[in-house]
Amino acid sequence: MSRKPELKGRAARLARLLPPGGGQAARAPFVLLVVVLLGGGLIGLLVLNSALSEGSFQLDDLKQETKELTDEEQGLQRDIDAYSAPRALQRRALELGMVPGGDPAFLSPDGSVKGSPRPASAATTPLVLAPEALGASSTGAWWSGPTSTATTPTPGR
């Protein structure tokens, strides 16, 4: 009972180009396309969010590993500093049976000797004194001079 209005002129020509009664058939693919695009967008956002979360966890793990390795490096550097300290080197040298060398002698280019060369002996005064030797003159091992701190080397300087 619905009566279509009569089209004239240009409108009539355009109406002939459209399929008859096709208003409903064209909507189904459009709605399906919109639903697919929205679903694809949501799935893409979910994948992106998961990837960002995984990257965040990896970043946290790497930061923790970096902190642990930095702590280990600092500990190893403290060990190196302790082993290379003059007192530690002197103690280790004494354990190995080494003695201080004393005053050196030098050879000049013409072959003459400057200084008085002599073999090292345990009676010479060491260049670095152990704290035990500074305060304990009763043991009589290395140091027999004055024990005031003004004339003796200060450890760590």
Protein backbone atom coordinates (compact mmCIF):
# COMPACT_ATOMS: atom_id res chain seq x y z
CA MET A 1 0.00 0.00 0.00
CA SER A 2 2.94 2.22 0.16
CA ARG A 3 3.11 4.22 -2.91
CA LYS A 4 6.41 5.34 -4.28
CA PRO A 5 6.64 8.92 -5.34
CA GLU A 6 7.18 9.59 -9.02
CA LEU A 7 10.69 10.71 -9.81
CA LYS A 8 11.37 13.06 -12.67
CA GLY A 9 14.45 14.20 -14.49
CA ARG A 10 17.82 13.57 -12.98
CA ALA A 11 16.43 11.75 -9.92
CA ALA A 12 14.68 9.27 -12.20
CA ARG A 13 17.88 8.52 -14.06
CA LEU A 14 19.79 7.96 -10.79
CA ALA A 15 17.00 5.70 -9.45
CA ARG A 16 17.34 3.46 -12.50
CA LEU A 17 21.04 2.90 -11.67
CA LEU A 18 20.22 1.55 -8.19
CA PRO A 19 18.90 -2.00 -7.83
CA PRO A 20 15.19 -2.14 -7.03
CA GLY A 21 14.35 -2.48 -3.28
CA GLY A 22 18.02 -2.98 -2.32
CA GLY A 23 18.11 -0.96 0.92
CA GLN A 24 18.20 -3.97 3.25
CA ALA A 25 20.60 -6.14 1.27
CA ALA A 26 23.38 -3.51 1.27
CA ARG A 27 23.32 -3.06 5.05
CA ALA A 28 24.30 -6.63 6.02
CA PRO A 29 27.84 -6.56 4.50
CA PHE A 30 28.45 -3.09 5.96
CA VAL A 31 27.42 -4.20 9.45
CA LEU A 32 29.54 -7.32 9.09
CA LEU A 33 32.53 -5.20 7.98
CA VAL A 34 32.14 -2.86 10.97
CA VAL A 35 31.90 -5.80 13.40
CA VAL A 36 34.99 -7.44 11.89
CA LEU A 37 36.95 -4.18 12.08
CA LEU A 38 35.96 -3.59 15.69
CA GLY A 39 36.78 -7.18 16.66
CA GLY A 40 40.12 -6.99 14.84
CA GLY A 41 40.93 -3.73 16.59
CA LEU A 42 40.13 -5.20 20.00
CA ILE A 43 42.24 -8.28 19.34
CA GLY A 44 45.09 -6.06 18.10
CA LEU A 45 44.90 -3.98 21.28
CA LEU A 46 44.96 -7.15 23.39
CA VAL A 47 48.06 -8.43 21.57
CA LEU A 48 49.77 -5.05 21.87
CA ASN A 49 48.97 -4.83 25.58
CA SER A 50 50.33 -8.35 26.16
CA ALA A 51 53.55 -7.53 24.30
CA LEU A 52 54.04 -4.35 26.34
CA SER A 53 53.46 -6.24 29.58
CA GLU A 54 55.98 -8.90 28.59
CA GLY A 55 58.51 -6.19 27.72
CA SER A 56 57.92 -4.58 31.10
CA PHE A 57 58.60 -7.86 32.90
CA GLN A 58 61.79 -8.38 30.89
CA LEU A 59 62.89 -4.84 31.73
CA ASP A 60 62.34 -5.49 35.45
CA ASP A 61 64.34 -8.74 35.22
CA LEU A 62 67.20 -6.98 33.42
CA LYS A 63 67.23 -4.16 35.97
CA GLN A 64 67.44 -6.70 38.81
CA GLU A 65 70.23 -8.59 37.04
CA THR A 66 72.11 -5.32 36.45
CA LYS A 67 71.82 -4.46 40.14
CA GLU A 68 73.11 -7.89 41.18
CA LEU A 69 76.04 -7.68 38.74
CA THR A 70 76.89 -4.16 39.94
CA ASP A 71 76.91 -5.39 43.54
CA GLU A 72 79.14 -8.30 42.56
CA GLU A 73 81.50 -5.96 40.68
CA GLN A 74 81.78 -3.68 43.71
CA GLY A 75 82.52 -6.66 45.95
CA LEU A 76 85.22 -7.88 43.59
CA GLN A 77 86.71 -4.39 43.39
CA ARG A 78 86.84 -4.27 47.21
CA ASP A 79 88.66 -7.62 47.18
CA ILE A 80 91.14 -6.33 44.60
CA ASP A 81 91.74 -3.19 46.64
CA ALA A 82 92.28 -5.26 49.79
CA TYR A 83 94.73 -7.61 48.06
CA SER A 84 96.68 -4.78 46.44
CA ALA A 85 97.01 -2.69 49.61
CA PRO A 86 100.65 -2.23 50.69
CA ARG A 87 100.15 -4.06 53.98
CA ALA A 88 98.52 -7.03 52.27
CA LEU A 89 101.29 -7.19 49.67
CA GLN A 90 103.96 -7.01 52.38
CA ARG A 91 102.29 -9.73 54.44
CA ARG A 92 101.97 -12.00 51.39
CA ALA A 93 105.61 -11.34 50.43
CA LEU A 94 106.75 -12.27 53.94
CA GLU A 95 104.67 -15.46 53.78
CA LEU A 96 106.48 -16.33 50.54
CA GLY A 97 109.86 -15.73 52.18
CA MET A 98 110.66 -12.51 50.35
CA VAL A 99 112.69 -9.75 52.00
CA PRO A 100 112.93 -6.03 51.17
CA GLY A 101 115.61 -5.16 48.65
CA GLY A 102 117.23 -2.15 50.29
CA ASP A 103 118.89 0.70 48.41
CA PRO A 104 119.29 0.09 44.67
CA ALA A 105 122.48 0.41 42.64
CA PHE A 106 122.49 1.83 39.11
CA LEU A 107 124.69 1.21 36.09
CA SER A 108 125.66 4.26 34.07
CA PRO A 109 126.12 4.07 30.28
CA ASP A 110 129.93 4.02 30.67
CA GLY A 111 129.70 0.88 32.83
CA SER A 112 130.40 2.41 36.23
CA VAL A 113 128.22 1.50 39.20
CA LYS A 114 126.45 4.24 41.14
CA GLY A 115 125.45 3.26 44.66
CA SER A 116 126.62 0.39 46.78
CA PRO A 117 125.10 -2.91 45.69
CA ARG A 118 124.62 -5.57 48.34
CA PRO A 119 122.41 -8.61 48.71
CA ALA A 120 119.02 -8.18 50.35
CA SER A 121 118.78 -9.39 53.91
CA ALA A 122 116.01 -9.66 56.46
CA ALA A 123 117.72 -6.97 58.59
CA THR A 124 116.89 -4.11 56.21
CA THR A 125 114.00 -1.79 57.00
CA PRO A 126 110.97 -2.33 54.75
CA LEU A 127 109.50 0.48 52.67
CA VAL A 128 106.02 -0.20 54.07
CA LEU A 129 105.71 -1.10 57.71
CA ALA A 130 103.08 -3.44 59.04
CA PRO A 131 100.97 -2.10 61.94
CA GLU A 132 102.29 -4.89 64.13
CA ALA A 133 105.86 -3.70 63.51
CA LEU A 134 105.01 -0.06 64.32
CA GLY A 135 103.64 -0.71 67.80
CA ALA A 136 105.59 -3.78 68.87
CA SER A 137 109.27 -2.89 69.18
CA SER A 138 109.63 -5.68 71.75
CA THR A 139 109.36 -8.32 69.01
CA GLY A 140 112.45 -6.81 67.37
CA ALA A 141 111.61 -8.13 63.92
CA TRP A 142 111.64 -5.20 61.50
CA TRP A 143 111.59 -1.81 63.16
CA SER A 144 113.89 -0.58 65.85
CA GLY A 145 113.47 3.20 65.33
CA PRO A 146 111.11 5.66 67.03
CA THR A 147 107.46 4.65 67.20
CA SER A 148 105.80 8.08 67.09
CA THR A 149 103.28 8.54 64.29
CA ALA A 150 104.93 11.80 63.18
CA THR A 151 107.97 10.00 61.74
CA THR A 152 106.38 6.76 60.56
CA PRO A 153 104.30 6.34 57.41
CA THR A 154 100.55 6.40 57.88
CA PRO A 155 98.73 3.43 56.32
CA GLY A 156 96.40 4.34 53.47
CA ARG A 157 98.12 7.61 52.47
